Amino acid sequence: MDKYEGSCLCGAVTFEVQGRFDSFYLCHCQHCQKDSGSAHAANLFSQSAQLVWHSGADAVTSFTLPGTRHHKSFCKHCGSAVPNTQIAGLLVVPAGSLDTDLDISPTAHIFSSSRAQWDNPNIETPVFDRLPR
């Protein structure tokens, strides 16, 4: 069985995902841009995997944007996105919350028509291993 360990930024919330992911989407919708503070969200989805909280389950809080299906769970101490179960038992796991390396590549970019204009993969941008001086 596949197992993935994860945590929030401050370490108060730790968890394990047991099972396989069905898909891995990079979502460029405007809700995910605002939610992530970046060009897109990176979320893994599974209908069959199980989520086990190891610590900090009481530190997890959630928000649903009124009038939408946009839902997010996060650590109430540091604000890091953590997994949540949505409609019909769909497990949604923010890829950045995992501490275990993934053996799956993104399935697709979704809502690409909403892609931030500055997020252009065709423009050559310098790459650094760390913050440049």
N, C-alpha and C. Protein backbone atom coordinates (compact mmCIF):
# COMPACT_ATOMS: atom_id res chain seq x y z
N MET A 1 0.84 -1.18 0.00
CA MET A 1 0.00 0.00 0.00
C MET A 1 0.88 1.24 0.00
N ASP A 2 0.49 2.22 -0.80
CA ASP A 2 1.21 3.49 -0.83
C ASP A 2 0.91 4.27 0.44
N LYS A 3 1.96 4.89 0.99
CA LYS A 3 1.80 5.73 2.18
C LYS A 3 2.58 7.01 1.97
N TYR A 4 1.95 8.11 2.34
CA TYR A 4 2.57 9.43 2.21
C TYR A 4 2.42 10.15 3.54
N GLU A 5 3.52 10.68 4.05
CA GLU A 5 3.50 11.47 5.29
C GLU A 5 3.44 12.94 4.93
N GLY A 6 2.82 13.73 5.79
CA GLY A 6 2.74 15.16 5.55
C GLY A 6 2.59 15.94 6.83
N SER A 7 2.73 17.27 6.70
CA SER A 7 2.63 18.15 7.86
C SER A 7 2.40 19.59 7.41
N CYS A 8 2.06 20.42 8.37
CA CYS A 8 1.94 21.85 8.11
C CYS A 8 3.30 22.51 8.34
N LEU A 9 3.39 23.79 8.08
CA LEU A 9 4.65 24.52 8.20
C LEU A 9 5.19 24.54 9.63
N CYS A 10 4.32 24.73 10.62
CA CYS A 10 4.78 24.82 12.01
C CYS A 10 4.94 23.46 12.68
N GLY A 11 4.44 22.39 12.04
CA GLY A 11 4.58 21.05 12.58
C GLY A 11 3.49 20.63 13.55
N ALA A 12 2.54 21.51 13.82
CA ALA A 12 1.46 21.16 14.75
C ALA A 12 0.55 20.07 14.18
N VAL A 13 0.37 20.07 12.86
CA VAL A 13 -0.49 19.10 12.20
C VAL A 13 0.38 18.11 11.43
N THR A 14 0.23 16.82 11.72
CA THR A 14 0.91 15.77 10.96
C THR A 14 -0.12 14.73 10.56
N PHE A 15 0.11 14.11 9.42
CA PHE A 15 -0.88 13.17 8.89
C PHE A 15 -0.22 12.15 7.98
N GLU A 16 -1.00 11.15 7.62
CA GLU A 16 -0.57 10.12 6.67
C GLU A 16 -1.72 9.87 5.70
N VAL A 17 -1.38 9.72 4.44
CA VAL A 17 -2.36 9.31 3.43
C VAL A 17 -2.01 7.89 3.05
N GLN A 18 -2.97 6.99 3.18
CA GLN A 18 -2.78 5.58 2.85
C GLN A 18 -3.58 5.26 1.60
N GLY A 19 -2.88 4.91 0.53
CA GLY A 19 -3.55 4.57 -0.73
C GLY A 19 -3.01 5.36 -1.89
N ARG A 20 -3.62 5.15 -3.04
CA ARG A 20 -3.15 5.75 -4.28
C ARG A 20 -3.93 7.02 -4.62
N PHE A 21 -3.23 7.92 -5.31
CA PHE A 21 -3.89 9.12 -5.82
C PHE A 21 -4.42 8.83 -7.22
N ASP A 22 -5.61 9.33 -7.52
CA ASP A 22 -6.22 9.15 -8.83
C ASP A 22 -5.74 10.20 -9.82
N SER A 23 -5.51 11.41 -9.33
CA SER A 23 -5.09 12.50 -10.21
C SER A 23 -4.33 13.56 -9.43
N PHE A 24 -3.61 14.39 -10.18
CA PHE A 24 -2.78 15.45 -9.62
C PHE A 24 -2.95 16.65 -10.55
N TYR A 25 -3.75 17.62 -10.11
CA TYR A 25 -4.06 18.76 -10.96
C TYR A 25 -3.39 20.04 -10.48
N LEU A 26 -2.91 20.82 -11.46
CA LEU A 26 -2.43 22.17 -11.22
C LEU A 26 -3.56 23.08 -11.67
N CYS A 27 -4.23 23.70 -10.70
CA CYS A 27 -5.44 24.47 -10.98
C CYS A 27 -5.14 25.96 -11.06
N HIS A 28 -5.47 26.56 -12.19
CA HIS A 28 -5.21 27.97 -12.44
C HIS A 28 -6.44 28.85 -12.27
N CYS A 29 -7.51 28.32 -11.67
CA CYS A 29 -8.72 29.14 -11.48
C CYS A 29 -8.40 30.31 -10.54
N GLN A 30 -9.20 31.35 -10.63
CA GLN A 30 -8.94 32.53 -9.81
C GLN A 30 -9.08 32.26 -8.33
N HIS A 31 -9.96 31.34 -7.95
CA HIS A 31 -10.08 30.99 -6.52
C HIS A 31 -8.78 30.38 -6.02
N CYS A 32 -8.21 29.46 -6.78
CA CYS A 32 -6.96 28.81 -6.36
C CYS A 32 -5.78 29.78 -6.39
N GLN A 33 -5.80 30.74 -7.30
CA GLN A 33 -4.74 31.75 -7.31
C GLN A 33 -4.79 32.57 -6.01
N LYS A 34 -5.97 33.03 -5.65
CA LYS A 34 -6.12 33.81 -4.41
C LYS A 34 -5.80 32.96 -3.18
N ASP A 35 -6.32 31.74 -3.18
CA ASP A 35 -6.14 30.82 -2.06
C ASP A 35 -4.67 30.51 -1.82
N SER A 36 -3.93 30.26 -2.91
CA SER A 36 -2.52 29.87 -2.78
C SER A 36 -1.58 31.07 -2.74
N GLY A 37 -2.06 32.23 -3.21
CA GLY A 37 -1.18 33.39 -3.30
C GLY A 37 -0.15 33.21 -4.39
N SER A 38 -0.44 32.35 -5.35
CA SER A 38 0.51 32.03 -6.41
C SER A 38 -0.22 31.84 -7.73
N ALA A 39 0.50 31.30 -8.72
CA ALA A 39 -0.06 31.13 -10.06
C ALA A 39 -1.11 30.03 -10.12
N HIS A 40 -0.98 29.04 -9.25
CA HIS A 40 -1.91 27.91 -9.28
C HIS A 40 -1.81 27.11 -7.99
N ALA A 41 -2.82 26.30 -7.76
CA ALA A 41 -2.78 25.33 -6.67
C ALA A 41 -2.29 24.01 -7.26
N ALA A 42 -1.69 23.17 -6.42
CA ALA A 42 -1.23 21.84 -6.82
C ALA A 42 -1.85 20.85 -5.85
N ASN A 43 -2.89 20.15 -6.30
CA ASN A 43 -3.64 19.25 -5.42
C ASN A 43 -3.73 17.84 -5.99
N LEU A 44 -3.63 16.88 -5.08
CA LEU A 44 -3.80 15.46 -5.41
C LEU A 44 -5.19 15.04 -4.99
N PHE A 45 -5.81 14.14 -5.78
CA PHE A 45 -7.18 13.71 -5.53
C PHE A 45 -7.25 12.20 -5.45
N SER A 46 -8.09 11.70 -4.53
CA SER A 46 -8.31 10.26 -4.43
C SER A 46 -9.70 9.96 -3.90
N GLN A 47 -10.36 9.00 -4.52
CA GLN A 47 -11.66 8.53 -4.04
C GLN A 47 -11.50 7.38 -3.05
N SER A 48 -10.30 6.76 -3.01
CA SER A 48 -10.14 5.55 -2.20
C SER A 48 -9.11 5.67 -1.08
N ALA A 49 -8.18 6.61 -1.16
CA ALA A 49 -7.15 6.74 -0.12
C ALA A 49 -7.77 7.17 1.20
N GLN A 50 -7.10 6.79 2.28
CA GLN A 50 -7.56 7.13 3.63
C GLN A 50 -6.63 8.16 4.25
N LEU A 51 -7.20 9.11 4.95
CA LEU A 51 -6.44 10.14 5.66
C LEU A 51 -6.42 9.79 7.14
N VAL A 52 -5.22 9.76 7.73
CA VAL A 52 -5.05 9.49 9.16
C VAL A 52 -4.31 10.68 9.77
N TRP A 53 -4.94 11.33 10.73
CA TRP A 53 -4.29 12.43 11.43
C TRP A 53 -3.40 11.84 12.51
N HIS A 54 -2.11 12.20 12.54
CA HIS A 54 -1.21 11.74 13.60
C HIS A 54 -1.19 12.73 14.76
N SER A 55 -1.24 14.02 14.45
CA SER A 55 -1.30 15.04 15.50
C SER A 55 -1.96 16.29 14.94
N GLY A 56 -2.52 17.06 15.83
CA GLY A 56 -3.06 18.36 15.47
C GLY A 56 -4.39 18.38 14.75
N ALA A 57 -5.14 17.30 14.77
CA ALA A 57 -6.45 17.31 14.09
C ALA A 57 -7.32 18.44 14.63
N ASP A 58 -7.16 18.76 15.91
CA ASP A 58 -7.94 19.85 16.52
C ASP A 58 -7.45 21.23 16.08
N ALA A 59 -6.29 21.28 15.41
CA ALA A 59 -5.75 22.55 14.90
C ALA A 59 -6.16 22.80 13.45
N VAL A 60 -6.90 21.86 12.87
CA VAL A 60 -7.33 22.00 11.48
C VAL A 60 -8.67 22.72 11.44
N THR A 61 -8.74 23.76 10.64
CA THR A 61 -9.98 24.48 10.43
C THR A 61 -10.23 24.56 8.93
N SER A 62 -11.44 24.89 8.55
CA SER A 62 -11.80 24.89 7.13
C SER A 62 -12.56 26.14 6.74
N PHE A 63 -12.54 26.41 5.44
CA PHE A 63 -13.25 27.55 4.87
C PHE A 63 -13.83 27.12 3.53
N THR A 64 -15.10 27.44 3.31
CA THR A 64 -15.73 27.23 2.02
C THR A 64 -16.17 28.59 1.51
N LEU A 65 -15.74 28.94 0.31
CA LEU A 65 -16.12 30.22 -0.28
C LEU A 65 -17.62 30.19 -0.56
N PRO A 66 -18.38 31.12 0.03
CA PRO A 66 -19.84 31.10 -0.14
C PRO A 66 -20.24 31.11 -1.62
N GLY A 67 -21.24 30.28 -1.92
CA GLY A 67 -21.76 30.22 -3.27
C GLY A 67 -20.92 29.42 -4.25
N THR A 68 -19.88 28.72 -3.73
CA THR A 68 -19.00 27.93 -4.60
C THR A 68 -18.74 26.57 -3.96
N ARG A 69 -18.02 25.72 -4.68
CA ARG A 69 -17.54 24.45 -4.13
C ARG A 69 -16.09 24.57 -3.67
N HIS A 70 -15.54 25.79 -3.72
CA HIS A 70 -14.13 25.99 -3.34
C HIS A 70 -13.99 25.85 -1.82
N HIS A 71 -13.24 24.85 -1.41
CA HIS A 71 -13.10 24.49 0.00
C HIS A 71 -11.63 24.32 0.33
N LYS A 72 -11.24 24.76 1.51
CA LYS A 72 -9.85 24.65 1.94
C LYS A 72 -9.80 24.33 3.42
N SER A 73 -8.88 23.44 3.80
CA SER A 73 -8.59 23.18 5.21
C SER A 73 -7.16 23.63 5.47
N PHE A 74 -6.92 24.13 6.68
CA PHE A 74 -5.60 24.67 6.98
C PHE A 74 -5.34 24.63 8.48
N CYS A 75 -4.06 24.71 8.83
CA CYS A 75 -3.65 24.76 10.23
C CYS A 75 -4.01 26.13 10.79
N LYS A 76 -4.70 26.15 11.93
CA LYS A 76 -5.12 27.43 12.51
C LYS A 76 -3.96 28.20 13.12
N HIS A 77 -2.80 27.55 13.28
CA HIS A 77 -1.64 28.22 13.85
C HIS A 77 -0.78 28.90 12.79
N CYS A 78 -0.49 28.19 11.69
CA CYS A 78 0.43 28.73 10.68
C CYS A 78 -0.23 29.01 9.34
N GLY A 79 -1.46 28.55 9.14
CA GLY A 79 -2.18 28.83 7.90
C GLY A 79 -1.87 27.89 6.74
N SER A 80 -1.00 26.92 6.95
CA SER A 80 -0.65 25.99 5.88
C SER A 80 -1.85 25.15 5.46
N ALA A 81 -1.98 24.96 4.15
CA ALA A 81 -3.03 24.10 3.62
C ALA A 81 -2.75 22.65 4.00
N VAL A 82 -3.80 21.95 4.41
CA VAL A 82 -3.70 20.53 4.77
C VAL A 82 -4.85 19.79 4.08
N PRO A 83 -4.80 18.45 4.05
CA PRO A 83 -5.84 17.69 3.34
C PRO A 83 -7.24 17.90 3.90
N ASN A 84 -8.21 17.61 3.05
CA ASN A 84 -9.61 17.63 3.48
C ASN A 84 -10.40 16.66 2.62
N THR A 85 -11.54 16.26 3.16
CA THR A 85 -12.44 15.38 2.42
C THR A 85 -13.62 16.23 1.96
N GLN A 86 -13.91 16.14 0.67
CA GLN A 86 -14.96 16.96 0.09
C GLN A 86 -16.15 16.13 -0.35
N ILE A 87 -16.87 16.60 -1.32
CA ILE A 87 -18.10 15.97 -1.81
C ILE A 87 -17.88 14.49 -2.12
N ALA A 88 -18.78 13.66 -1.65
CA ALA A 88 -18.80 12.22 -1.92
C ALA A 88 -17.49 11.53 -1.53
N GLY A 89 -16.86 12.01 -0.46
CA GLY A 89 -15.67 11.34 0.05
C GLY A 89 -14.40 11.58 -0.73
N LEU A 90 -14.37 12.58 -1.60
CA LEU A 90 -13.17 12.89 -2.38
C LEU A 90 -12.11 13.49 -1.47
N LEU A 91 -10.97 12.82 -1.35
CA LEU A 91 -9.85 13.32 -0.56
C LEU A 91 -9.02 14.25 -1.43
N VAL A 92 -8.78 15.47 -0.93
CA VAL A 92 -7.98 16.46 -1.64
C VAL A 92 -6.76 16.77 -0.77
N VAL A 93 -5.56 16.55 -1.34
CA VAL A 93 -4.32 16.73 -0.60
C VAL A 93 -3.45 17.77 -1.30
N PRO A 94 -3.17 18.91 -0.64
CA PRO A 94 -2.25 19.88 -1.22
C PRO A 94 -0.86 19.23 -1.37
N ALA A 95 -0.34 19.22 -2.59
CA ALA A 95 0.93 18.53 -2.85
C ALA A 95 2.06 19.06 -1.97
N GLY A 96 2.08 20.35 -1.71
CA GLY A 96 3.14 20.94 -0.90
C GLY A 96 3.08 20.57 0.57
N SER A 97 1.98 19.97 1.00
CA SER A 97 1.87 19.55 2.41
C SER A 97 2.53 18.21 2.67
N LEU A 98 2.90 17.50 1.61
CA LEU A 98 3.51 16.18 1.77
C LEU A 98 5.00 16.28 2.06
N ASP A 99 5.47 15.45 2.98
CA ASP A 99 6.89 15.36 3.31
C ASP A 99 7.54 14.19 2.56
N THR A 100 6.73 13.29 2.07
CA THR A 100 7.19 12.12 1.32
C THR A 100 7.25 12.49 -0.16
N ASP A 101 8.30 12.03 -0.85
CA ASP A 101 8.39 12.27 -2.30
C ASP A 101 7.23 11.60 -3.01
N LEU A 102 6.73 12.26 -4.04
CA LEU A 102 5.63 11.72 -4.84
C LEU A 102 6.16 10.88 -5.98
N ASP A 103 5.43 9.84 -6.33
CA ASP A 103 5.78 9.02 -7.48
C ASP A 103 4.79 9.25 -8.62
N ILE A 104 4.14 10.41 -8.60
CA ILE A 104 3.17 10.77 -9.63
C ILE A 104 3.49 12.19 -10.11
N SER A 105 3.40 12.40 -11.41
CA SER A 105 3.58 13.73 -12.00
C SER A 105 2.20 14.36 -12.18
N PRO A 106 2.16 15.68 -12.32
CA PRO A 106 0.86 16.31 -12.55
C PRO A 106 0.13 15.68 -13.74
N THR A 107 -1.16 15.44 -13.55
CA THR A 107 -2.01 14.87 -14.58
C THR A 107 -2.33 15.90 -15.65
N ALA A 108 -2.63 17.13 -15.20
CA ALA A 108 -3.01 18.19 -16.14
C ALA A 108 -3.03 19.54 -15.45
N HIS A 109 -2.95 20.59 -16.27
CA HIS A 109 -3.25 21.95 -15.83
C HIS A 109 -4.74 22.13 -16.09
N ILE A 110 -5.47 22.65 -15.12
CA ILE A 110 -6.90 22.88 -15.33
C ILE A 110 -7.22 24.37 -15.15
N PHE A 111 -8.30 24.81 -15.73
CA PHE A 111 -8.69 26.22 -15.76
C PHE A 111 -7.57 27.08 -16.33
N SER A 112 -6.92 26.56 -17.38
CA SER A 112 -5.79 27.27 -17.98
C SER A 112 -6.20 28.60 -18.61
N SER A 113 -7.48 28.77 -18.94
CA SER A 113 -7.93 30.05 -19.50
C SER A 113 -7.85 31.16 -18.46
N SER A 114 -7.75 30.79 -17.18
CA SER A 114 -7.62 31.78 -16.10
C SER A 114 -6.17 31.96 -15.66
N ARG A 115 -5.24 31.32 -16.37
CA ARG A 115 -3.82 31.39 -15.99
C ARG A 115 -3.38 32.84 -15.84
N ALA A 116 -2.62 33.12 -14.79
CA ALA A 116 -2.08 34.47 -14.56
C ALA A 116 -1.21 34.86 -15.75
N GLN A 117 -1.37 36.09 -16.23
CA GLN A 117 -0.63 36.51 -17.42
C GLN A 117 0.88 36.46 -17.22
N TRP A 118 1.35 36.57 -15.99
CA TRP A 118 2.80 36.52 -15.74
C TRP A 118 3.32 35.10 -15.60
N ASP A 119 2.42 34.12 -15.57
CA ASP A 119 2.81 32.71 -15.47
C ASP A 119 2.89 32.13 -16.89
N ASN A 120 3.98 32.42 -17.57
CA ASN A 120 4.14 32.01 -18.96
C ASN A 120 5.30 31.04 -19.08
N PRO A 121 5.02 29.76 -19.32
CA PRO A 121 6.09 28.76 -19.40
C PRO A 121 6.99 28.92 -20.62
N ASN A 122 6.59 29.78 -21.58
CA ASN A 122 7.39 29.97 -22.79
C ASN A 122 8.45 31.06 -22.65
N ILE A 123 8.42 31.78 -21.54
CA ILE A 123 9.41 32.83 -21.31
C ILE A 123 10.56 32.23 -20.51
N GLU A 124 11.78 32.46 -20.99
CA GLU A 124 12.95 31.96 -20.26
C GLU A 124 13.20 32.84 -19.05
N THR A 125 13.24 32.23 -17.90
CA THR A 125 13.47 32.93 -16.65
C THR A 125 14.65 32.26 -15.96
N PRO A 126 15.57 33.06 -15.38
CA PRO A 126 16.71 32.45 -14.68
C PRO A 126 16.24 31.51 -13.58
N VAL A 127 17.04 30.48 -13.32
CA VAL A 127 16.75 29.49 -12.28
C VAL A 127 17.88 29.50 -11.27
N PHE A 128 17.55 29.58 -9.98
CA PHE A 128 18.53 29.61 -8.90
C PHE A 128 18.23 28.49 -7.91
N ASP A 129 19.26 27.93 -7.29
CA ASP A 129 19.08 26.90 -6.27
C ASP A 129 18.56 27.47 -4.96
N ARG A 130 18.77 28.76 -4.74
CA ARG A 130 18.32 29.43 -3.52
C ARG A 130 18.09 30.90 -3.84
N LEU A 131 17.69 31.69 -2.86
CA LEU A 131 17.44 33.11 -3.07
C LEU A 131 18.73 33.80 -3.51
N PRO A 132 18.73 34.47 -4.68
CA PRO A 132 19.96 35.13 -5.15
C PRO A 132 20.27 36.36 -4.30
N ARG A 133 21.54 36.72 -4.30
CA ARG A 133 21.96 37.92 -3.54
C ARG A 133 21.76 39.16 -4.34
